């Protein structure tokens, strides 16, 4: 234990800190245990760390929300942003990050709205898909919203009804998958934000039923109702957060079927690709199998042995209840009793696994989702994401949402010319462009490209010259361009019709280049544009021009 001054020096009057030699396995402040396979650099974050992709997504989505607001008085075809990066890899990355982040926010807002609407009864697993789908308005009868989820908004009849049922299954799968613990640290789920809690039917009554524990291990038999309930909840929560759930939606064959069906009738991001299937709780992997398991196998195992993360938590609670140490053999006896009781009361299910031994999964019917106002462990929450989810949920409950129609696509040399032309038309969105898109319906469907207006285009420097994008009011630069000439070309794409324009340049905190021009913006905005030079001694260059 040390005291460290703001400058980083050890001091008797500085801030109290702990120095942990070796790998970071436990946070003494919040008691979080990072995943053993995680890289050390990812377990902690520096005070000056930032995410350029996250910042870009936030700034652009905020600008779109402003443009979309009625008080902005901006015509629909002008509600768009052209975003520049320095290379095509960054453009592809940013487009994916933008779409994925907004999709997750929209989905979580819809889940929150559905759970709140369910009230005190909670949201059961049978209603996951139907209730969330209704909140989104993605139903066959809602014509205005069809373009948001259908690959072909013109679909009618039985095909439309079938598409609606497929979407309901996709949404139900997404609700389950979003409960996985810690899968997205920079975008916490509703449970991490204290907006959602999970209840288990009959757990409280079971814990208080001494008759149910009459033949259980001594520690469980002698434990209080609250101690038994704590053990049961710890087990059930571990199963749920590891996706060890006995629902057909997490079955590999069902996921494959859902993937095939969604690819043909739904549009991104509502399609299902190669997704996460169910895990199972295993007390021990058979010895021969243990040597052959790899990192991929671990995704399907929730270990409950005495040395596992779950095992240590259970053992600690049982030792506290018994007032003594518990040996490994006794731990296994207690765990076996707990599993048998939970199975007998339809909280969990014993299932065969691919590891030649039986495992356990959570019974989906035992679970309910309820609205919450704080985390159960009283830990602080991320106020920004709480505000975002609550605001979007309220918009959905009121019948609309600013995220509908928000989409970004890349425009780089690694995109085919045919697809680039399609995206340029979607971005311009003039009358002629809309007519041309109607004539290229087969190209759109073949490339998984919607025919709707495209509000954000992420492009590489190739967009600086030669591509006509009319009525553009806003340009975003993901980083400070290399030279004033590049800045002039990129920023000059907006306001070409004489109207006012907005140019936003993001300056990364850890980029010396960006920080220099952040401190001296006049050198970039009003900098000298040097004439291009030509090396007349370069024979290959000269011969190429004659």
Protein backbone atom coordinates (compact mmCIF):
# COMPACT_ATOMS: atom_id res chain seq x y z
CA UNK A 1 0.00 0.00 0.00
CA UNK A 2 1.34 3.41 -1.00
CA UNK A 3 0.39 7.05 -1.21
CA UNK A 4 0.99 8.69 -4.59
CA UNK A 5 1.05 12.40 -5.38
CA UNK A 6 -0.68 13.81 -8.52
CA UNK A 7 2.68 13.89 -10.29
CA UNK A 8 3.15 10.16 -9.83
CA UNK A 9 5.71 10.30 -7.01
CA UNK A 10 5.33 8.26 -3.83
CA UNK A 11 4.41 10.70 -1.05
CA UNK A 12 3.26 10.52 2.54
CA UNK A 13 0.41 12.92 1.76
CA UNK A 14 -0.70 11.56 -1.60
CA UNK A 15 -3.69 9.45 -2.60
CA UNK A 16 -3.90 5.99 -1.06
CA UNK A 17 -3.32 3.25 -3.68
CA UNK A 18 -2.60 -0.46 -3.80
CA UNK A 19 0.26 -1.92 -5.81
CA UNK A 20 -0.56 -5.41 -7.08
CA UNK A 21 2.50 -7.28 -8.43
CA UNK A 22 1.98 -9.78 -11.22
CA UNK A 23 -1.26 -10.12 -13.19
CA UNK A 24 -4.33 -8.09 -12.32
CA UNK A 25 -6.79 -10.73 -11.07
CA UNK A 26 -8.96 -8.83 -8.57
CA UNK A 27 -9.97 -5.20 -8.12
CA UNK A 28 -9.80 -4.44 -4.38
CA UNK A 29 -12.23 -1.52 -4.83
CA UNK A 30 -15.18 -3.15 -6.63
CA UNK A 31 -14.14 -6.82 -6.22
CA UNK A 32 -14.43 -7.39 -9.96
CA UNK A 33 -12.52 -10.41 -11.29
CA UNK A 34 -11.41 -9.87 -14.91
CA UNK A 35 -11.56 -12.85 -17.26
CA UNK A 36 -8.40 -14.94 -16.93
CA UNK A 37 -7.88 -15.01 -20.70
CA UNK A 38 -8.13 -11.20 -21.07
CA UNK A 39 -5.03 -9.23 -22.01
CA UNK A 40 -3.54 -7.22 -19.16
CA UNK A 41 -3.69 -3.98 -21.16
CA UNK A 42 -7.46 -4.41 -21.54
CA UNK A 43 -8.17 -4.93 -17.84
CA UNK A 44 -7.35 -1.34 -16.85
CA UNK A 45 -7.83 1.94 -18.64
CA UNK A 46 -5.64 5.02 -18.48
CA UNK A 47 -7.03 8.39 -17.48
CA UNK A 48 -6.26 9.84 -20.92
CA UNK A 49 -7.53 6.85 -22.90
CA UNK A 50 -10.24 7.39 -25.48
CA UNK A 51 -12.01 5.60 -28.28
CA UNK A 52 -11.88 7.41 -31.62
CA UNK A 53 -14.57 5.14 -33.07
CA UNK A 54 -16.86 5.62 -30.07
CA UNK A 55 -16.36 9.39 -30.11
CA UNK A 56 -17.11 9.52 -33.83
CA UNK A 57 -20.28 7.47 -33.44
CA UNK A 58 -21.45 9.69 -30.59
CA UNK A 59 -20.75 12.98 -32.41
CA UNK A 60 -22.33 11.91 -35.69
CA UNK A 61 -25.41 10.35 -34.10
CA UNK A 62 -25.90 13.50 -32.00
CA UNK A 63 -25.67 15.67 -35.12
CA UNK A 64 -28.22 13.48 -36.89
CA UNK A 65 -30.62 13.72 -33.95
CA UNK A 66 -30.35 17.52 -34.11
CA UNK A 67 -30.99 17.54 -37.87
CA UNK A 68 -33.94 15.19 -37.40
CA UNK A 69 -35.61 17.41 -34.79
CA UNK A 70 -38.60 19.39 -36.12
CA UNK A 71 -37.23 22.67 -34.72
CA UNK A 72 -34.12 22.32 -36.89
CA UNK A 73 -36.20 22.90 -40.05
CA UNK A 74 -33.82 20.87 -42.21
CA UNK A 75 -35.23 19.11 -45.27
CA UNK A 76 -35.02 15.31 -45.21
CA UNK A 77 -32.63 15.03 -48.16
CA UNK A 78 -30.22 17.41 -46.38
CA UNK A 79 -30.17 15.46 -43.10
CA UNK A 80 -26.87 13.73 -43.86
CA UNK A 81 -23.20 13.77 -42.97
CA UNK A 82 -20.14 12.93 -45.05
CA UNK A 83 -17.39 11.53 -42.80
CA UNK A 84 -13.74 11.33 -43.89
CA UNK A 85 -11.02 8.97 -42.68
CA UNK A 86 -7.40 8.67 -43.78
CA UNK A 87 -7.67 5.09 -45.12
CA UNK A 88 -10.25 2.57 -46.26
CA UNK A 89 -9.70 0.22 -43.31
CA UNK A 90 -10.74 2.96 -40.88
CA UNK A 91 -13.77 3.77 -43.02
CA UNK A 92 -14.95 0.14 -42.91
CA UNK A 93 -14.27 -0.07 -39.17
CA UNK A 94 -16.15 3.14 -38.42
CA UNK A 95 -19.18 2.20 -40.53
CA UNK A 96 -19.45 -1.11 -38.69
CA UNK A 97 -18.98 0.51 -35.29
CA UNK A 98 -21.60 3.17 -36.02
CA UNK A 99 -24.25 0.70 -37.17
CA UNK A 100 -23.56 -1.82 -34.42
CA UNK A 101 -23.60 0.75 -31.61
CA UNK A 102 -26.87 2.33 -32.71
CA UNK A 103 -28.45 -1.10 -33.20
CA UNK A 104 -27.52 -2.17 -29.67
CA UNK A 105 -28.83 1.09 -28.22
CA UNK A 106 -32.11 0.73 -30.11
CA UNK A 107 -32.53 -2.90 -29.06
CA UNK A 108 -31.85 -2.15 -25.39
CA UNK A 109 -34.21 0.81 -25.43
CA UNK A 110 -36.92 -1.44 -26.87
CA UNK A 111 -36.27 -4.11 -24.22
CA UNK A 112 -36.49 -1.46 -21.50
CA UNK A 113 -39.75 -0.08 -22.88
CA UNK A 114 -41.23 -3.59 -23.15
CA UNK A 115 -40.21 -4.50 -19.60
CA UNK A 116 -41.66 -1.29 -18.21
CA UNK A 117 -44.88 -1.91 -20.08
CA UNK A 118 -45.09 -5.43 -18.60
CA UNK A 119 -45.32 -3.90 -15.13
CA UNK A 120 -45.23 -5.93 -11.93
CA UNK A 121 -45.80 -9.24 -13.72
CA UNK A 122 -42.46 -8.91 -15.50
CA UNK A 123 -41.54 -10.05 -18.99
CA UNK A 124 -41.50 -13.83 -19.47
CA UNK A 125 -39.39 -15.61 -22.08
CA UNK A 126 -42.44 -16.48 -24.20
CA UNK A 127 -43.03 -12.75 -24.73
CA UNK A 128 -39.46 -11.62 -25.41
CA UNK A 129 -39.86 -11.44 -29.16
CA UNK A 130 -43.49 -10.38 -29.45
CA UNK A 131 -43.43 -7.60 -26.84
CA UNK A 132 -40.15 -6.02 -27.99
CA UNK A 133 -41.25 -6.28 -31.62
CA UNK A 134 -44.47 -4.44 -30.77
CA UNK A 135 -42.58 -1.63 -29.00
CA UNK A 136 -40.39 -1.17 -32.08
CA UNK A 137 -43.46 -1.11 -34.30
CA UNK A 138 -41.89 -3.76 -36.54
CA UNK A 139 -45.16 -5.51 -37.29
CA UNK A 140 -46.74 -6.56 -40.57
CA UNK A 141 -49.53 -3.98 -40.20
CA UNK A 142 -47.18 -1.02 -39.64
CA UNK A 143 -46.36 -0.02 -43.23
CA UNK A 144 -44.16 2.95 -42.31
CA UNK A 145 -41.74 0.78 -40.31
CA UNK A 146 -41.36 -2.05 -42.83
CA UNK A 147 -38.37 -0.35 -44.45
CA UNK A 148 -36.55 -0.57 -41.10
CA UNK A 149 -36.52 -4.38 -40.91
CA UNK A 150 -37.52 -5.91 -44.23
CA UNK A 151 -34.98 -6.58 -46.97
CA UNK A 152 -37.77 -5.82 -49.45
CA UNK A 153 -40.31 -3.35 -47.97
CA UNK A 154 -42.67 -4.32 -50.78
CA UNK A 155 -43.17 -7.81 -49.37
CA UNK A 156 -46.88 -8.65 -48.88
CA UNK A 157 -49.19 -11.55 -48.03
CA UNK A 158 -47.96 -14.78 -46.49
CA UNK A 159 -44.33 -13.80 -47.06
CA UNK A 160 -44.88 -10.70 -44.91
CA UNK A 161 -46.45 -12.73 -42.11
CA UNK A 162 -43.58 -15.22 -42.24
CA UNK A 163 -41.04 -12.37 -42.10
CA UNK A 164 -42.76 -11.00 -38.99
CA UNK A 165 -42.54 -14.36 -37.24
CA UNK A 166 -38.87 -14.69 -38.16
CA UNK A 167 -38.14 -11.23 -36.81
CA UNK A 168 -39.88 -12.11 -33.54
CA UNK A 169 -37.58 -15.12 -33.13
CA UNK A 170 -34.51 -13.01 -33.98
CA UNK A 171 -35.46 -10.40 -31.37
CA UNK A 172 -36.07 -13.08 -28.73
CA UNK A 173 -32.62 -14.50 -29.45
CA UNK A 174 -31.10 -11.00 -29.14
CA UNK A 175 -32.79 -10.48 -25.77
CA UNK A 176 -31.23 -13.69 -24.46
CA UNK A 177 -27.81 -12.89 -25.93
CA UNK A 178 -27.79 -9.40 -24.42
CA UNK A 179 -27.88 -10.89 -20.93
CA UNK A 180 -24.43 -12.39 -21.33
CA UNK A 181 -22.11 -11.02 -18.65
CA UNK A 182 -19.53 -8.44 -19.67
CA UNK A 183 -19.65 -9.03 -23.42
CA UNK A 184 -19.51 -5.28 -24.14
CA UNK A 185 -17.62 -3.32 -21.50
CA UNK A 186 -17.81 0.05 -23.25
CA UNK A 187 -21.57 -0.20 -23.78
CA UNK A 188 -23.06 -1.74 -20.61
CA UNK A 189 -26.32 -3.65 -20.83
CA UNK A 190 -29.52 -2.74 -19.01
CA UNK A 191 -28.66 -4.86 -16.00
CA UNK A 192 -25.26 -3.18 -15.61
CA UNK A 193 -27.04 0.19 -15.78
CA UNK A 194 -29.47 -0.71 -13.02
CA UNK A 195 -32.45 -0.40 -15.39
CA UNK A 196 -33.29 -4.10 -15.42
CA UNK A 197 -33.34 -6.86 -12.85
CA UNK A 198 -33.98 -10.57 -13.16
CA UNK A 199 -36.36 -12.49 -10.94
CA UNK A 200 -36.73 -16.25 -10.59
CA UNK A 201 -40.14 -17.78 -9.97
CA UNK A 202 -40.45 -19.58 -6.64
CA UNK A 203 -36.87 -19.14 -5.42
CA UNK A 204 -37.84 -17.29 -2.25
CA UNK A 205 -40.46 -19.91 -1.31
CA UNK A 206 -38.07 -22.75 -2.08
CA UNK A 207 -35.33 -21.27 0.10
CA UNK A 208 -37.76 -21.00 3.03
CA UNK A 209 -39.05 -24.58 2.62
CA UNK A 210 -37.15 -26.67 5.18
CA UNK A 211 -38.83 -29.81 3.86
CA UNK A 212 -37.22 -29.30 0.44
CA UNK A 213 -33.78 -29.29 2.09
CA UNK A 214 -34.51 -32.17 4.49
CA UNK A 215 -32.14 -34.55 2.68
CA UNK A 216 -29.65 -31.93 1.51
CA UNK A 217 -26.05 -31.59 2.68
CA UNK A 218 -25.63 -30.47 6.29
CA UNK A 219 -24.54 -26.93 5.41
CA UNK A 220 -27.66 -26.32 3.29
CA UNK A 221 -29.95 -28.03 5.78
CA UNK A 222 -28.70 -25.85 8.64
CA UNK A 223 -28.57 -22.62 6.61
CA UNK A 224 -31.14 -19.84 6.98
CA UNK A 225 -33.68 -19.07 4.27
CA UNK A 226 -31.72 -15.99 3.18
CA UNK A 227 -28.47 -17.99 2.95
CA UNK A 228 -30.14 -20.67 0.84
CA UNK A 229 -31.68 -18.03 -1.39
CA UNK A 230 -28.29 -16.38 -1.83
CA UNK A 231 -26.77 -19.69 -2.96
CA UNK A 232 -29.62 -20.41 -5.37
CA UNK A 233 -29.48 -16.94 -6.90
CA UNK A 234 -25.72 -17.11 -7.29
CA UNK A 235 -26.11 -20.38 -9.20
CA UNK A 236 -29.01 -19.16 -11.37
CA UNK A 237 -27.37 -15.84 -12.17
CA UNK A 238 -24.15 -17.57 -13.20
CA UNK A 239 -26.12 -19.82 -15.56
CA UNK A 240 -28.03 -16.93 -17.10
CA UNK A 241 -25.05 -14.62 -17.55
CA UNK A 242 -23.06 -17.44 -19.19
CA UNK A 243 -26.00 -18.19 -21.53
CA UNK A 244 -26.31 -21.69 -20.05
CA UNK A 245 -30.03 -21.61 -20.79
CA UNK A 246 -32.24 -24.46 -22.00
CA UNK A 247 -34.02 -22.48 -24.72
CA UNK A 248 -34.28 -23.68 -28.30
CA UNK A 249 -33.25 -20.23 -29.49
CA UNK A 250 -29.71 -20.94 -28.24
CA UNK A 251 -29.55 -24.37 -29.84
CA UNK A 252 -26.94 -24.47 -32.66
CA UNK A 253 -29.38 -26.08 -35.12
CA UNK A 254 -32.03 -23.45 -34.37
CA UNK A 255 -29.50 -20.63 -34.77
CA UNK A 256 -28.47 -22.05 -38.15
CA UNK A 257 -32.12 -22.22 -39.24
CA UNK A 258 -32.78 -18.70 -37.98
CA UNK A 259 -29.67 -17.41 -39.74
CA UNK A 260 -30.79 -18.92 -43.05
CA UNK A 261 -34.33 -17.55 -42.75
CA UNK A 262 -33.27 -14.05 -41.65
CA UNK A 263 -30.69 -13.63 -44.42
CA UNK A 264 -33.32 -13.99 -47.11
CA UNK A 265 -36.09 -11.74 -45.75
CA UNK A 266 -34.65 -9.33 -43.17
CA UNK A 267 -32.25 -6.43 -43.60
CA UNK A 268 -29.19 -5.64 -41.54
CA UNK A 269 -28.82 -5.40 -38.60
CA UNK A 270 -31.77 -7.70 -37.88
CA UNK A 271 -30.23 -10.66 -39.64
CA UNK A 272 -28.57 -13.39 -37.61
CA UNK A 273 -25.10 -14.48 -38.66
CA UNK A 274 -22.78 -16.85 -36.81
CA UNK A 275 -23.94 -16.29 -33.26
CA UNK A 276 -23.32 -17.52 -29.73
CA UNK A 277 -25.09 -20.78 -28.75
CA UNK A 278 -25.87 -22.07 -25.27
CA UNK A 279 -23.29 -23.12 -22.67
CA UNK A 280 -23.73 -25.60 -19.84
CA UNK A 281 -22.61 -25.78 -16.23
CA UNK A 282 -20.05 -28.52 -15.65
CA UNK A 283 -18.75 -29.49 -12.24
CA UNK A 284 -15.80 -31.29 -13.85
CA UNK A 285 -14.70 -31.87 -17.43
CA UNK A 286 -13.65 -35.53 -17.86
CA UNK A 287 -9.89 -35.94 -17.55
CA UNK A 288 -9.31 -37.02 -21.15
CA UNK A 289 -11.52 -34.23 -22.45
CA UNK A 290 -9.85 -31.64 -20.21
CA UNK A 291 -6.57 -31.95 -22.10
CA UNK A 292 -8.33 -31.54 -25.44
CA UNK A 293 -10.43 -28.47 -24.64
CA UNK A 294 -9.37 -25.18 -26.21
CA UNK A 295 -10.33 -21.53 -25.96
CA UNK A 296 -13.29 -22.10 -28.27
CA UNK A 297 -14.64 -24.85 -26.03
CA UNK A 298 -14.53 -22.59 -22.99
CA UNK A 299 -17.35 -20.53 -24.47
CA UNK A 300 -19.65 -23.52 -23.92
CA UNK A 301 -18.52 -24.31 -20.37
CA UNK A 302 -19.54 -22.71 -17.09
CA UNK A 303 -17.13 -24.34 -14.68
CA UNK A 304 -18.37 -25.03 -11.17
CA UNK A 305 -15.43 -26.95 -9.71
CA UNK A 306 -14.08 -25.91 -6.30
CA UNK A 307 -11.34 -23.75 -7.88
CA UNK A 308 -13.56 -22.07 -10.50
CA UNK A 309 -14.79 -18.49 -10.13
CA UNK A 310 -18.31 -19.71 -9.38
CA UNK A 311 -16.98 -22.41 -7.06
CA UNK A 312 -14.95 -19.93 -5.02
CA UNK A 313 -17.98 -17.66 -4.57
CA UNK A 314 -20.22 -20.54 -3.47
CA UNK A 315 -17.56 -21.96 -1.19
CA UNK A 316 -16.99 -18.58 0.46
CA UNK A 317 -20.69 -18.23 1.27
CA UNK A 318 -21.00 -21.75 2.59
CA UNK A 319 -17.93 -21.31 4.80
CA UNK A 320 -19.41 -18.11 6.16
CA UNK A 321 -22.71 -19.88 6.90
CA UNK A 322 -20.99 -22.89 8.52
CA UNK A 323 -18.40 -20.84 10.38
CA UNK A 324 -15.58 -23.16 9.25
CA UNK A 325 -13.50 -24.23 6.26
CA UNK A 326 -15.11 -26.55 3.74
CA UNK A 327 -13.02 -29.28 2.15
CA UNK A 328 -13.17 -30.10 -1.56
CA UNK A 329 -15.10 -33.33 -1.04
CA UNK A 330 -17.73 -31.57 1.10
CA UNK A 331 -17.99 -28.76 -1.48
CA UNK A 332 -18.92 -31.29 -4.15
CA UNK A 333 -21.53 -32.84 -1.85
CA UNK A 334 -23.13 -29.46 -1.13
CA UNK A 335 -23.12 -28.45 -4.80
CA UNK A 336 -24.66 -31.77 -5.81
CA UNK A 337 -27.45 -31.22 -3.26
CA UNK A 338 -28.08 -27.69 -4.55
CA UNK A 339 -28.22 -28.88 -8.16
CA UNK A 340 -30.63 -31.70 -7.32
CA UNK A 341 -32.98 -29.40 -5.40
CA UNK A 342 -32.94 -26.74 -8.14
CA UNK A 343 -33.58 -29.42 -10.77
CA UNK A 344 -36.45 -30.94 -8.78
CA UNK A 345 -38.16 -27.55 -8.53
CA UNK A 346 -37.82 -26.81 -12.28
CA UNK A 347 -35.30 -24.02 -11.91
CA UNK A 348 -32.57 -25.81 -13.87
CA UNK A 349 -32.42 -28.78 -16.24
CA UNK A 350 -29.89 -31.59 -16.54
CA UNK A 351 -28.71 -31.84 -20.16
CA UNK A 352 -26.21 -33.90 -22.19
CA UNK A 353 -23.16 -32.01 -23.46
CA UNK A 354 -20.49 -32.37 -26.12
CA UNK A 355 -17.96 -33.20 -23.39
CA UNK A 356 -19.35 -36.72 -22.72
CA UNK A 357 -20.78 -35.71 -19.36
CA UNK A 358 -24.05 -34.21 -18.23
CA UNK A 359 -24.33 -30.52 -17.45
CA UNK A 360 -26.98 -28.10 -16.23
CA UNK A 361 -28.85 -25.24 -17.86
CA UNK A 362 -31.33 -22.68 -16.60
CA UNK A 363 -35.03 -23.34 -17.24
CA UNK A 364 -36.23 -20.30 -19.24
CA UNK A 365 -39.71 -20.50 -17.71
CA UNK A 366 -38.22 -19.79 -14.28
CA UNK A 367 -37.05 -16.33 -15.32
CA UNK A 368 -38.78 -12.94 -15.44
CA UNK A 369 -37.38 -9.54 -16.40
CA UNK A 370 -38.45 -6.51 -14.33
CA UNK A 371 -37.77 -2.79 -14.57
CA UNK A 372 -35.34 -1.43 -11.98
CA UNK A 373 -34.01 1.93 -10.82
CA UNK A 374 -30.60 0.94 -9.44
CA UNK A 375 -28.16 -1.94 -9.38
CA UNK A 376 -28.82 -4.62 -6.78
CA UNK A 377 -25.22 -4.36 -5.57
CA UNK A 378 -25.52 -0.55 -5.18
CA UNK A 379 -22.53 0.07 -7.46
CA UNK A 380 -22.38 3.28 -9.45
CA UNK A 381 -23.71 3.23 -13.00
CA UNK A 382 -22.73 5.01 -16.20
CA UNK A 383 -25.04 8.04 -16.18
CA UNK A 384 -24.58 8.70 -19.90
CA UNK A 385 -25.80 5.30 -21.04
CA UNK A 386 -28.64 5.39 -18.48
CA UNK A 387 -29.80 8.67 -20.01
CA UNK A 388 -29.50 7.35 -23.56
CA UNK A 389 -31.50 4.16 -22.87
CA UNK A 390 -34.22 5.97 -20.92
CA UNK A 391 -34.56 8.72 -23.55
CA UNK A 392 -34.82 6.25 -26.43
CA UNK A 393 -37.24 4.04 -24.48
CA UNK A 394 -39.51 7.05 -23.88
CA UNK A 395 -39.37 7.93 -27.58
CA UNK A 396 -40.37 4.36 -28.50
CA UNK A 397 -43.23 4.40 -26.01
CA UNK A 398 -44.41 7.65 -27.61
CA UNK A 399 -44.45 5.99 -31.03
CA UNK A 400 -41.19 7.15 -32.57
CA UNK A 401 -37.42 7.09 -32.28
CA UNK A 402 -34.69 9.28 -33.74
CA UNK A 403 -32.52 6.20 -34.38
CA UNK A 404 -34.89 4.87 -37.05
CA UNK A 405 -33.24 5.36 -40.42
CA UNK A 406 -29.80 6.02 -38.90
CA UNK A 407 -27.31 4.05 -40.99
CA UNK A 408 -23.74 4.43 -42.13
CA UNK A 409 -21.94 2.79 -45.08
CA UNK A 410 -18.38 2.87 -46.29
CA UNK A 411 -17.40 4.40 -49.63
CA UNK A 412 -13.88 3.21 -50.47
CA UNK A 413 -11.90 1.45 -53.17
CA UNK A 414 -12.59 -1.92 -51.57
CA UNK A 415 -16.30 -1.51 -52.36
CA UNK A 416 -17.29 -2.47 -55.90
CA UNK A 417 -18.01 0.36 -58.30
CA UNK A 418 -21.57 -0.86 -58.72
CA UNK A 419 -22.18 -0.68 -54.98
CA UNK A 420 -20.44 2.69 -54.65
CA UNK A 421 -22.82 4.17 -57.23
CA UNK A 422 -25.79 2.74 -55.33
CA UNK A 423 -24.59 4.28 -52.08
CA UNK A 424 -23.97 7.64 -53.73
CA UNK A 425 -27.57 7.64 -54.98
CA UNK A 426 -28.88 6.68 -51.53
CA UNK A 427 -26.80 9.47 -50.02
CA UNK A 428 -27.83 12.19 -52.50
CA UNK A 429 -31.49 11.06 -52.41
CA UNK A 430 -32.71 13.30 -55.20
CA UNK A 431 -35.77 12.46 -57.30
CA UNK A 432 -33.62 11.02 -60.08
CA UNK A 433 -31.57 9.02 -57.59
CA UNK A 434 -34.69 7.47 -56.07
CA UNK A 435 -35.90 6.53 -59.54
CA UNK A 436 -32.55 4.90 -60.37
CA UNK A 437 -32.64 2.94 -57.11
CA UNK A 438 -36.07 1.62 -58.03
CA UNK A 439 -34.61 0.36 -61.32
CA UNK A 440 -31.73 -1.43 -59.57
CA UNK A 441 -33.80 -3.40 -57.04
CA UNK A 442 -32.09 -6.71 -57.88
CA UNK A 443 -28.64 -5.20 -57.31
CA UNK A 444 -29.74 -3.87 -53.93
CA UNK A 445 -31.17 -7.19 -52.77
CA UNK A 446 -28.17 -9.11 -54.09
CA UNK A 447 -25.78 -6.94 -52.07
CA UNK A 448 -27.95 -6.79 -48.94
CA UNK A 449 -28.28 -3.05 -49.49
CA UNK A 450 -31.52 -1.28 -48.49
CA UNK A 451 -33.23 1.09 -50.89
CA UNK A 452 -33.81 3.69 -48.18
CA UNK A 453 -32.09 7.05 -47.71
CA UNK A 454 -28.50 6.80 -46.44
CA UNK A 455 -27.75 9.58 -43.89
CA UNK A 456 -24.06 8.83 -43.24
CA UNK A 457 -21.28 7.95 -45.65
CA UNK A 458 -17.83 7.02 -44.31
CA UNK A 459 -15.26 7.53 -47.00
CA UNK A 460 -11.53 7.44 -47.63
CA UNK A 461 -9.55 10.28 -49.29
CA UNK A 462 -10.82 9.15 -52.72
CA UNK A 463 -13.95 11.19 -51.98
CA UNK A 464 -11.92 14.41 -51.87
CA UNK A 465 -12.24 14.80 -55.64
CA UNK A 466 -14.44 13.67 -58.47
CA UNK A 467 -17.68 12.55 -56.78
CA UNK A 468 -20.73 14.77 -56.87
CA UNK A 469 -22.61 14.94 -53.54
CA UNK A 470 -25.13 17.77 -53.65
CA UNK A 471 -26.98 19.68 -50.91
CA UNK A 472 -24.48 18.73 -48.23
CA UNK A 473 -24.51 20.78 -45.02
CA UNK A 474 -22.20 18.80 -42.72
CA UNK A 475 -18.79 17.17 -42.99
CA UNK A 476 -17.06 15.19 -40.25
CA UNK A 477 -13.31 14.53 -40.19
CA UNK A 478 -12.37 11.50 -38.06
CA UNK A 479 -8.87 12.93 -37.60
CA UNK A 480 -6.98 16.06 -38.55
CA UNK A 481 -5.98 15.70 -42.23
CA UNK A 482 -2.28 15.49 -43.12
CA UNK A 483 -2.10 18.92 -44.79
CA UNK A 484 -4.15 22.12 -45.22
CA UNK A 485 -4.78 21.04 -48.83
CA UNK A 486 -6.49 17.87 -47.62
CA UNK A 487 -8.49 19.88 -45.10
CA UNK A 488 -9.63 22.33 -47.77
CA UNK A 489 -10.72 19.53 -50.11
CA UNK A 490 -12.64 17.59 -47.44
CA UNK A 491 -14.28 20.50 -45.64
CA UNK A 492 -15.11 22.11 -48.96
CA UNK A 493 -17.54 19.30 -49.81
CA UNK A 494 -20.15 21.01 -47.60
CA UNK A 495 -21.89 24.28 -48.43
CA UNK A 496 -21.17 24.19 -52.15
CA UNK A 497 -24.57 25.67 -52.92
CA UNK A 498 -23.80 28.78 -50.88
CA UNK A 499 -25.59 27.64 -47.72
CA UNK A 500 -24.07 27.60 -44.25
CA UNK A 501 -22.20 24.41 -43.41
CA UNK A 502 -20.84 22.61 -40.36
CA UNK A 503 -17.37 21.02 -40.36
CA UNK A 504 -16.39 18.95 -37.29
CA UNK A 505 -12.82 17.72 -36.86
CA UNK A 506 -12.06 15.19 -34.13
CA UNK A 507 -8.63 15.61 -32.50
CA UNK A 508 -7.41 12.50 -30.68
CA UNK A 509 -5.86 13.11 -27.26
CA UNK A 510 -3.00 10.68 -27.91
CA UNK A 511 -2.13 11.87 -31.39
CA UNK A 512 0.67 14.50 -31.45
CA UNK A 513 -0.41 15.57 -34.95
CA UNK A 514 -4.04 16.10 -33.92
CA UNK A 515 -3.12 17.82 -30.68
CA UNK A 516 -0.77 20.26 -32.41
CA UNK A 517 -3.53 21.46 -34.73
CA UNK A 518 -6.04 21.46 -31.89
CA UNK A 519 -3.82 24.02 -30.17
CA UNK A 520 -3.13 25.89 -33.45
CA UNK A 521 -6.24 25.41 -35.66
CA UNK A 522 -5.40 28.40 -37.83
CA UNK A 523 -2.42 26.49 -39.25
CA UNK A 524 -4.82 23.91 -40.70
CA UNK A 525 -7.97 25.93 -41.40
CA UNK A 526 -6.13 28.92 -42.87
CA UNK A 527 -2.87 27.19 -43.66
CA UNK A 528 -0.85 27.52 -46.84
CA UNK A 529 -1.83 25.11 -49.61
CA UNK A 530 1.43 24.23 -51.26
CA UNK A 531 1.48 23.70 -55.05
CA UNK A 532 1.93 20.07 -56.03
CA UNK A 533 5.47 19.08 -56.97
CA UNK A 534 6.63 16.80 -59.75
CA UNK A 535 9.94 14.95 -59.82
CA UNK A 536 11.09 15.34 -63.42
CA UNK A 537 13.91 12.86 -62.78
CA UNK A 538 11.41 10.04 -62.21
CA UNK A 539 11.40 8.26 -65.62
CA UNK A 540 8.43 5.99 -64.79
CA UNK A 541 6.30 8.94 -63.69
CA UNK A 542 7.11 10.99 -66.79
CA UNK A 543 6.50 8.12 -69.22
CA UNK A 544 3.11 7.42 -67.65
CA UNK A 545 1.92 10.89 -68.68
CA UNK A 546 3.04 10.80 -72.29
